[in-house]
Amino acid sequence: MKPNIGLSEKNLKSITGVLSSVLSDAVVLYTKTRKFHWNVSGNSFMELHKLFEKQYKILEEAIDEIAERINKLGTKTPGTMQEFLQMTSLKESPGNYPSQEEMIDELLKDHEAVIIQLRKYIKDCDEKYGDIGTSDFLTDLIKEHETIAWTLRRYLQ
């Protein structure tokens, strides 16, 4: 049964498409952060190991919330790596095991790319689709990414 919440079916489809892309980016970023958590080594091993763990747990919670938001808007949530890889704007690097600094830099760039994309999506959800609920939801996500990006940036200064 489709939700009757004051949004057209066309807009709901567009919004859930946006959310599916956001979810895909979150899953790829989660997976990359987890990979770096598992493979970090060197003199700051434990500090970065714990930092990456904290960050992937934040992403894990966000993934669940994004998926549930898609369902709340009446659409099935994508749930396979193939779907996520088709919809993500982020790049994976199979077989690449960067240094600590390269890991931090790569994660920072990914979080910043997500922030830029979320800004566009927030504007679209609010102005184009008339969905202040999703706009507000995405605003909360952007705050998490900004905090993570700020933390990562501090390691590179």
N, C-alpha and C. Protein backbone atom coordinates (compact mmCIF):
# COMPACT_ATOMS: atom_id res chain seq x y z
N MET A 1 0.84 -1.17 0.00
CA MET A 1 0.00 0.00 0.00
C MET A 1 0.90 1.25 0.00
N LYS A 2 0.64 2.14 -0.93
CA LYS A 2 1.42 3.37 -1.05
C LYS A 2 1.04 4.36 0.05
N PRO A 3 2.03 5.08 0.58
CA PRO A 3 1.72 6.07 1.61
C PRO A 3 0.94 7.26 1.04
N ASN A 4 0.02 7.77 1.82
CA ASN A 4 -0.74 8.96 1.45
C ASN A 4 -0.27 10.09 2.37
N ILE A 5 0.85 10.72 1.99
CA ILE A 5 1.50 11.69 2.88
C ILE A 5 1.70 13.06 2.22
N GLY A 6 0.94 13.33 1.18
CA GLY A 6 1.01 14.64 0.54
C GLY A 6 2.09 14.79 -0.50
N LEU A 7 2.66 13.68 -0.95
CA LEU A 7 3.66 13.70 -2.01
C LEU A 7 3.16 12.86 -3.18
N SER A 8 3.33 13.37 -4.38
CA SER A 8 2.88 12.62 -5.56
C SER A 8 3.70 11.34 -5.71
N GLU A 9 3.13 10.38 -6.42
CA GLU A 9 3.84 9.12 -6.66
C GLU A 9 5.13 9.38 -7.43
N LYS A 10 5.09 10.32 -8.36
CA LYS A 10 6.28 10.68 -9.13
C LYS A 10 7.37 11.23 -8.21
N ASN A 11 6.99 12.13 -7.31
CA ASN A 11 7.97 12.69 -6.38
C ASN A 11 8.50 11.65 -5.41
N LEU A 12 7.61 10.77 -4.94
CA LEU A 12 8.06 9.69 -4.05
C LEU A 12 9.10 8.81 -4.75
N LYS A 13 8.87 8.53 -6.02
CA LYS A 13 9.81 7.71 -6.78
C LYS A 13 11.16 8.43 -6.91
N SER A 14 11.12 9.73 -7.19
CA SER A 14 12.36 10.51 -7.29
C SER A 14 13.09 10.55 -5.95
N ILE A 15 12.36 10.77 -4.89
CA ILE A 15 12.96 10.87 -3.55
C ILE A 15 13.58 9.53 -3.14
N THR A 16 12.88 8.44 -3.40
CA THR A 16 13.45 7.14 -3.03
C THR A 16 14.64 6.80 -3.93
N GLY A 17 14.67 7.33 -5.13
CA GLY A 17 15.85 7.18 -5.99
C GLY A 17 17.05 7.91 -5.38
N VAL A 18 16.80 9.12 -4.90
CA VAL A 18 17.84 9.89 -4.21
C VAL A 18 18.33 9.11 -3.00
N LEU A 19 17.40 8.64 -2.19
CA LEU A 19 17.77 7.91 -0.98
C LEU A 19 18.51 6.61 -1.29
N SER A 20 18.17 5.97 -2.40
CA SER A 20 18.88 4.75 -2.80
C SER A 20 20.33 5.06 -3.16
N SER A 21 20.55 6.21 -3.80
CA SER A 21 21.93 6.64 -4.10
C SER A 21 22.68 6.97 -2.82
N VAL A 22 22.02 7.65 -1.90
CA VAL A 22 22.63 7.97 -0.60
C VAL A 22 22.99 6.68 0.13
N LEU A 23 22.08 5.72 0.10
CA LEU A 23 22.33 4.43 0.73
C LEU A 23 23.52 3.73 0.09
N SER A 24 23.58 3.76 -1.22
CA SER A 24 24.68 3.10 -1.94
C SER A 24 26.02 3.72 -1.58
N ASP A 25 26.08 5.04 -1.53
CA ASP A 25 27.32 5.70 -1.11
C ASP A 25 27.69 5.31 0.32
N ALA A 26 26.70 5.24 1.19
CA ALA A 26 26.96 4.88 2.59
C ALA A 26 27.50 3.46 2.70
N VAL A 27 26.95 2.54 1.93
CA VAL A 27 27.41 1.14 1.98
C VAL A 27 28.84 1.02 1.46
N VAL A 28 29.14 1.70 0.37
CA VAL A 28 30.50 1.65 -0.17
C VAL A 28 31.49 2.30 0.80
N LEU A 29 31.11 3.43 1.38
CA LEU A 29 31.98 4.10 2.34
C LEU A 29 32.16 3.27 3.61
N TYR A 30 31.09 2.64 4.05
CA TYR A 30 31.16 1.72 5.19
C TYR A 30 32.15 0.58 4.91
N THR A 31 32.02 -0.02 3.74
CA THR A 31 32.87 -1.16 3.38
C THR A 31 34.33 -0.73 3.30
N LYS A 32 34.57 0.44 2.72
CA LYS A 32 35.94 0.94 2.61
C LYS A 32 36.51 1.25 4.00
N THR A 33 35.71 1.86 4.86
CA THR A 33 36.16 2.17 6.21
C THR A 33 36.47 0.89 6.98
N ARG A 34 35.64 -0.10 6.78
CA ARG A 34 35.84 -1.41 7.44
C ARG A 34 37.13 -2.05 6.94
N LYS A 35 37.34 -1.98 5.63
CA LYS A 35 38.58 -2.53 5.03
C LYS A 35 39.80 -1.86 5.65
N PHE A 36 39.75 -0.54 5.79
CA PHE A 36 40.89 0.18 6.36
C PHE A 36 41.05 -0.17 7.84
N HIS A 37 39.96 -0.35 8.55
CA HIS A 37 40.01 -0.77 9.95
C HIS A 37 40.75 -2.10 10.07
N TRP A 38 40.43 -3.01 9.17
CA TRP A 38 41.05 -4.33 9.21
C TRP A 38 42.53 -4.31 8.82
N ASN A 39 42.90 -3.39 7.94
CA ASN A 39 44.22 -3.45 7.32
C ASN A 39 45.19 -2.33 7.70
N VAL A 40 44.77 -1.43 8.57
CA VAL A 40 45.69 -0.37 8.97
C VAL A 40 46.87 -0.98 9.74
N SER A 41 48.04 -0.41 9.52
CA SER A 41 49.22 -0.86 10.26
C SER A 41 50.17 0.32 10.40
N GLY A 42 51.14 0.17 11.27
CA GLY A 42 52.11 1.23 11.47
C GLY A 42 52.04 1.79 12.88
N ASN A 43 52.78 2.89 13.08
CA ASN A 43 52.95 3.41 14.43
C ASN A 43 51.68 3.95 15.06
N SER A 44 50.68 4.30 14.28
CA SER A 44 49.40 4.78 14.84
C SER A 44 48.31 3.72 14.68
N PHE A 45 48.73 2.48 14.61
CA PHE A 45 47.78 1.39 14.34
C PHE A 45 46.54 1.43 15.25
N MET A 46 46.75 1.38 16.56
CA MET A 46 45.61 1.23 17.46
C MET A 46 44.70 2.45 17.41
N GLU A 47 45.28 3.63 17.36
CA GLU A 47 44.48 4.85 17.29
C GLU A 47 43.60 4.87 16.04
N LEU A 48 44.19 4.56 14.89
CA LEU A 48 43.42 4.57 13.64
C LEU A 48 42.45 3.39 13.57
N HIS A 49 42.87 2.26 14.08
CA HIS A 49 42.00 1.08 14.14
C HIS A 49 40.71 1.43 14.89
N LYS A 50 40.84 2.09 16.03
CA LYS A 50 39.68 2.50 16.83
C LYS A 50 38.90 3.62 16.16
N LEU A 51 39.60 4.57 15.54
CA LEU A 51 38.93 5.66 14.84
C LEU A 51 38.07 5.12 13.70
N PHE A 52 38.63 4.25 12.89
CA PHE A 52 37.88 3.68 11.77
C PHE A 52 36.70 2.85 12.27
N GLU A 53 36.89 2.15 13.37
CA GLU A 53 35.78 1.38 13.95
C GLU A 53 34.64 2.30 14.37
N LYS A 54 34.97 3.39 15.03
CA LYS A 54 33.95 4.35 15.44
C LYS A 54 33.21 4.90 14.21
N GLN A 55 33.96 5.19 13.16
CA GLN A 55 33.35 5.76 11.96
C GLN A 55 32.48 4.75 11.22
N TYR A 56 32.93 3.49 11.11
CA TYR A 56 32.07 2.54 10.40
C TYR A 56 30.82 2.22 11.20
N LYS A 57 30.88 2.31 12.52
CA LYS A 57 29.67 2.10 13.32
C LYS A 57 28.66 3.24 13.11
N ILE A 58 29.14 4.46 12.95
CA ILE A 58 28.26 5.59 12.63
C ILE A 58 27.62 5.36 11.26
N LEU A 59 28.42 4.92 10.31
CA LEU A 59 27.90 4.64 8.97
C LEU A 59 26.90 3.49 8.98
N GLU A 60 27.19 2.48 9.78
CA GLU A 60 26.29 1.32 9.88
C GLU A 60 24.91 1.75 10.37
N GLU A 61 24.89 2.60 11.37
CA GLU A 61 23.61 3.10 11.88
C GLU A 61 22.89 3.94 10.81
N ALA A 62 23.65 4.76 10.12
CA ALA A 62 23.06 5.59 9.06
C ALA A 62 22.47 4.72 7.94
N ILE A 63 23.17 3.66 7.60
CA ILE A 63 22.69 2.75 6.55
C ILE A 63 21.31 2.22 6.91
N ASP A 64 21.14 1.78 8.13
CA ASP A 64 19.85 1.25 8.56
C ASP A 64 18.77 2.32 8.51
N GLU A 65 19.11 3.52 8.94
CA GLU A 65 18.13 4.62 8.94
C GLU A 65 17.74 5.02 7.52
N ILE A 66 18.71 5.05 6.61
CA ILE A 66 18.42 5.39 5.21
C ILE A 66 17.51 4.32 4.60
N ALA A 67 17.85 3.06 4.84
CA ALA A 67 17.04 1.95 4.30
C ALA A 67 15.61 2.02 4.83
N GLU A 68 15.46 2.31 6.11
CA GLU A 68 14.12 2.41 6.68
C GLU A 68 13.36 3.61 6.13
N ARG A 69 14.05 4.70 5.85
CA ARG A 69 13.40 5.88 5.27
C ARG A 69 12.85 5.53 3.89
N ILE A 70 13.60 4.77 3.11
CA ILE A 70 13.12 4.34 1.79
C ILE A 70 11.84 3.53 1.95
N ASN A 71 11.84 2.60 2.90
CA ASN A 71 10.64 1.78 3.15
C ASN A 71 9.47 2.63 3.61
N LYS A 72 9.72 3.61 4.48
CA LYS A 72 8.66 4.48 4.97
C LYS A 72 7.97 5.23 3.84
N LEU A 73 8.72 5.47 2.77
CA LEU A 73 8.16 6.18 1.62
C LEU A 73 7.55 5.23 0.59
N GLY A 74 7.40 3.97 0.97
CA GLY A 74 6.64 3.03 0.16
C GLY A 74 7.40 2.28 -0.90
N THR A 75 8.71 2.24 -0.80
CA THR A 75 9.52 1.57 -1.82
C THR A 75 10.39 0.50 -1.18
N LYS A 76 10.63 -0.56 -1.92
CA LYS A 76 11.57 -1.59 -1.46
C LYS A 76 12.98 -1.02 -1.48
N THR A 77 13.76 -1.42 -0.51
CA THR A 77 15.13 -0.93 -0.38
C THR A 77 16.08 -1.84 -1.13
N PRO A 78 16.98 -1.26 -1.95
CA PRO A 78 18.00 -2.10 -2.59
C PRO A 78 18.87 -2.74 -1.52
N GLY A 79 19.38 -3.92 -1.80
CA GLY A 79 20.13 -4.61 -0.76
C GLY A 79 21.23 -5.53 -1.25
N THR A 80 21.66 -5.36 -2.50
CA THR A 80 22.76 -6.19 -2.99
C THR A 80 23.94 -5.32 -3.36
N MET A 81 25.12 -5.88 -3.29
CA MET A 81 26.33 -5.12 -3.65
C MET A 81 26.26 -4.68 -5.11
N GLN A 82 25.69 -5.51 -5.96
CA GLN A 82 25.57 -5.14 -7.37
C GLN A 82 24.73 -3.87 -7.52
N GLU A 83 23.61 -3.81 -6.81
CA GLU A 83 22.77 -2.61 -6.86
C GLU A 83 23.51 -1.40 -6.30
N PHE A 84 24.17 -1.58 -5.18
CA PHE A 84 24.88 -0.47 -4.56
C PHE A 84 25.98 0.06 -5.47
N LEU A 85 26.74 -0.85 -6.09
CA LEU A 85 27.83 -0.43 -6.96
C LEU A 85 27.32 0.28 -8.22
N GLN A 86 26.12 -0.06 -8.66
CA GLN A 86 25.54 0.63 -9.82
C GLN A 86 25.08 2.04 -9.46
N MET A 87 24.70 2.27 -8.22
CA MET A 87 24.11 3.55 -7.82
C MET A 87 25.07 4.48 -7.08
N THR A 88 26.23 4.00 -6.69
CA THR A 88 27.14 4.83 -5.90
C THR A 88 27.89 5.83 -6.78
N SER A 89 28.29 6.92 -6.17
CA SER A 89 29.15 7.88 -6.87
C SER A 89 30.60 7.72 -6.41
N LEU A 90 30.83 6.84 -5.46
CA LEU A 90 32.17 6.62 -4.91
C LEU A 90 32.87 5.49 -5.67
N LYS A 91 34.18 5.49 -5.59
CA LYS A 91 34.99 4.47 -6.27
C LYS A 91 35.62 3.54 -5.24
N GLU A 92 35.62 2.27 -5.59
CA GLU A 92 36.33 1.29 -4.78
C GLU A 92 37.75 1.15 -5.33
N SER A 93 38.60 0.52 -4.56
CA SER A 93 39.98 0.28 -5.01
C SER A 93 40.39 -1.14 -4.62
N PRO A 94 39.84 -2.13 -5.33
CA PRO A 94 40.15 -3.52 -4.99
C PRO A 94 41.66 -3.81 -5.09
N GLY A 95 42.16 -4.57 -4.15
CA GLY A 95 43.55 -4.98 -4.15
C GLY A 95 44.51 -3.87 -3.74
N ASN A 96 44.01 -2.70 -3.41
CA ASN A 96 44.86 -1.59 -3.00
C ASN A 96 44.81 -1.46 -1.48
N TYR A 97 45.99 -1.48 -0.86
CA TYR A 97 46.10 -1.36 0.58
C TYR A 97 47.02 -0.18 0.88
N PRO A 98 46.42 1.01 0.96
CA PRO A 98 47.21 2.22 1.09
C PRO A 98 47.85 2.38 2.47
N SER A 99 48.75 3.35 2.55
CA SER A 99 49.38 3.70 3.82
C SER A 99 48.34 4.37 4.72
N GLN A 100 48.70 4.57 5.98
CA GLN A 100 47.80 5.23 6.92
C GLN A 100 47.34 6.58 6.38
N GLU A 101 48.27 7.41 5.94
CA GLU A 101 47.92 8.74 5.44
C GLU A 101 47.04 8.66 4.20
N GLU A 102 47.33 7.72 3.32
CA GLU A 102 46.51 7.55 2.12
C GLU A 102 45.09 7.07 2.47
N MET A 103 44.98 6.22 3.48
CA MET A 103 43.66 5.78 3.95
C MET A 103 42.85 6.97 4.43
N ILE A 104 43.47 7.77 5.27
CA ILE A 104 42.79 8.95 5.82
C ILE A 104 42.38 9.89 4.70
N ASP A 105 43.29 10.14 3.77
CA ASP A 105 43.02 11.04 2.65
C ASP A 105 41.88 10.52 1.78
N GLU A 106 41.88 9.23 1.50
CA GLU A 106 40.83 8.64 0.67
C GLU A 106 39.46 8.73 1.36
N LEU A 107 39.43 8.40 2.64
CA LEU A 107 38.17 8.50 3.38
C LEU A 107 37.69 9.95 3.44
N LEU A 108 38.61 10.88 3.67
CA LEU A 108 38.25 12.29 3.71
C LEU A 108 37.63 12.72 2.39
N LYS A 109 38.27 12.38 1.29
CA LYS A 109 37.75 12.75 -0.03
C LYS A 109 36.36 12.15 -0.27
N ASP A 110 36.16 10.92 0.17
CA ASP A 110 34.84 10.29 0.00
C ASP A 110 33.78 10.98 0.85
N HIS A 111 34.10 11.29 2.09
CA HIS A 111 33.13 11.99 2.94
C HIS A 111 32.81 13.37 2.37
N GLU A 112 33.82 14.07 1.88
CA GLU A 112 33.58 15.38 1.29
C GLU A 112 32.73 15.27 0.03
N ALA A 113 32.96 14.25 -0.79
CA ALA A 113 32.13 14.04 -1.98
C ALA A 113 30.68 13.76 -1.59
N VAL A 114 30.48 12.98 -0.54
CA VAL A 114 29.13 12.69 -0.05
C VAL A 114 28.47 13.98 0.45
N ILE A 115 29.21 14.80 1.15
CA ILE A 115 28.67 16.06 1.66
C ILE A 115 28.20 16.94 0.51
N ILE A 116 29.01 17.06 -0.51
CA ILE A 116 28.64 17.88 -1.68
C ILE A 116 27.36 17.33 -2.32
N GLN A 117 27.29 16.02 -2.48
CA GLN A 117 26.10 15.40 -3.08
C GLN A 117 24.88 15.59 -2.19
N LEU A 118 25.05 15.43 -0.89
CA LEU A 118 23.93 15.60 0.04
C LEU A 118 23.38 17.02 -0.01
N ARG A 119 24.25 18.02 -0.16
CA ARG A 119 23.77 19.40 -0.27
C ARG A 119 22.82 19.56 -1.45
N LYS A 120 23.17 18.96 -2.57
CA LYS A 120 22.31 19.02 -3.75
C LYS A 120 20.99 18.28 -3.48
N TYR A 121 21.09 17.11 -2.89
CA TYR A 121 19.89 16.32 -2.61
C TYR A 121 18.96 17.03 -1.63
N ILE A 122 19.53 17.69 -0.63
CA ILE A 122 18.72 18.42 0.35
C ILE A 122 17.91 19.50 -0.36
N LYS A 123 18.58 20.24 -1.21
CA LYS A 123 17.91 21.30 -1.96
C LYS A 123 16.81 20.72 -2.86
N ASP A 124 17.12 19.65 -3.58
CA ASP A 124 16.13 19.01 -4.46
C ASP A 124 14.93 18.51 -3.67
N CYS A 125 15.18 17.81 -2.56
CA CYS A 125 14.07 17.26 -1.77
C CYS A 125 13.16 18.37 -1.25
N ASP A 126 13.75 19.46 -0.85
CA ASP A 126 12.98 20.58 -0.30
C ASP A 126 12.27 21.35 -1.41
N GLU A 127 13.02 21.84 -2.38
CA GLU A 127 12.47 22.75 -3.38
C GLU A 127 11.81 22.05 -4.56
N LYS A 128 12.39 20.99 -5.04
CA LYS A 128 11.89 20.31 -6.24
C LYS A 128 10.78 19.31 -5.93
N TYR A 129 10.93 18.57 -4.83
CA TYR A 129 9.98 17.50 -4.52
C TYR A 129 9.04 17.85 -3.36
N GLY A 130 9.29 18.93 -2.66
CA GLY A 130 8.42 19.34 -1.56
C GLY A 130 8.42 18.40 -0.38
N ASP A 131 9.55 17.74 -0.14
CA ASP A 131 9.64 16.77 0.95
C ASP A 131 10.59 17.28 2.03
N ILE A 132 10.04 18.07 2.95
CA ILE A 132 10.88 18.62 4.01
C ILE A 132 11.34 17.54 4.99
N GLY A 133 10.59 16.45 5.08
CA GLY A 133 10.98 15.35 5.97
C GLY A 133 12.29 14.72 5.52
N THR A 134 12.39 14.42 4.22
CA THR A 134 13.63 13.83 3.70
C THR A 134 14.75 14.87 3.71
N SER A 135 14.42 16.11 3.42
CA SER A 135 15.41 17.18 3.47
C SER A 135 16.01 17.27 4.87
N ASP A 136 15.17 17.22 5.88
CA ASP A 136 15.63 17.26 7.27
C ASP A 136 16.45 16.02 7.61
N PHE A 137 15.99 14.87 7.15
CA PHE A 137 16.70 13.61 7.37
C PHE A 137 18.11 13.69 6.78
N LEU A 138 18.22 14.19 5.56
CA LEU A 138 19.52 14.30 4.90
C LEU A 138 20.41 15.34 5.59
N THR A 139 19.80 16.37 6.15
CA THR A 139 20.56 17.38 6.89
C THR A 139 21.23 16.73 8.10
N ASP A 140 20.54 15.83 8.77
CA ASP A 140 21.15 15.13 9.90
C ASP A 140 22.33 14.26 9.43
N LEU A 141 22.17 13.63 8.26
CA LEU A 141 23.26 12.81 7.73
C LEU A 141 24.49 13.66 7.40
N ILE A 142 24.24 14.82 6.81
CA ILE A 142 25.36 15.68 6.42
C ILE A 142 26.17 16.10 7.63
N LYS A 143 25.50 16.32 8.74
CA LYS A 143 26.20 16.70 9.98
C LYS A 143 27.16 15.61 10.42
N GLU A 144 26.75 14.35 10.30
CA GLU A 144 27.63 13.23 10.67
C GLU A 144 28.85 13.18 9.76
N HIS A 145 28.61 13.33 8.45
CA HIS A 145 29.73 13.30 7.49
C HIS A 145 30.68 14.48 7.71
N GLU A 146 30.12 15.64 8.04
CA GLU A 146 30.97 16.81 8.30
C GLU A 146 31.87 16.58 9.52
N THR A 147 31.33 15.96 10.54
CA THR A 147 32.12 15.68 11.74
C THR A 147 33.23 14.67 11.43
N ILE A 148 32.89 13.62 10.70
CA ILE A 148 33.91 12.63 10.34
C ILE A 148 34.97 13.28 9.45
N ALA A 149 34.56 14.07 8.47
CA ALA A 149 35.51 14.73 7.58
C ALA A 149 36.43 15.66 8.36
N TRP A 150 35.86 16.40 9.28
CA TRP A 150 36.66 17.31 10.11
C TRP A 150 37.72 16.52 10.90
N THR A 151 37.30 15.40 11.48
CA THR A 151 38.22 14.58 12.25
C THR A 151 39.35 14.06 11.36
N LEU A 152 39.02 13.55 10.19
CA LEU A 152 40.02 13.03 9.27
C LEU A 152 40.96 14.14 8.81
N ARG A 153 40.39 15.30 8.51
CA ARG A 153 41.18 16.44 8.04
C ARG A 153 42.25 16.83 9.06
N ARG A 154 41.91 16.72 10.33
CA ARG A 154 42.84 17.09 11.40
C ARG A 154 44.10 16.20 11.40
N TYR A 155 43.95 14.96 10.95
CA TYR A 155 45.10 14.06 10.87
C TYR A 155 46.06 14.46 9.75
N LEU A 156 45.56 15.18 8.76
CA LEU A 156 46.37 15.52 7.59
C LEU A 156 46.97 16.91 7.66
N GLN A 157 46.67 17.66 8.73
CA GLN A 157 47.19 19.03 8.85
C GLN A 157 48.53 19.03 9.54
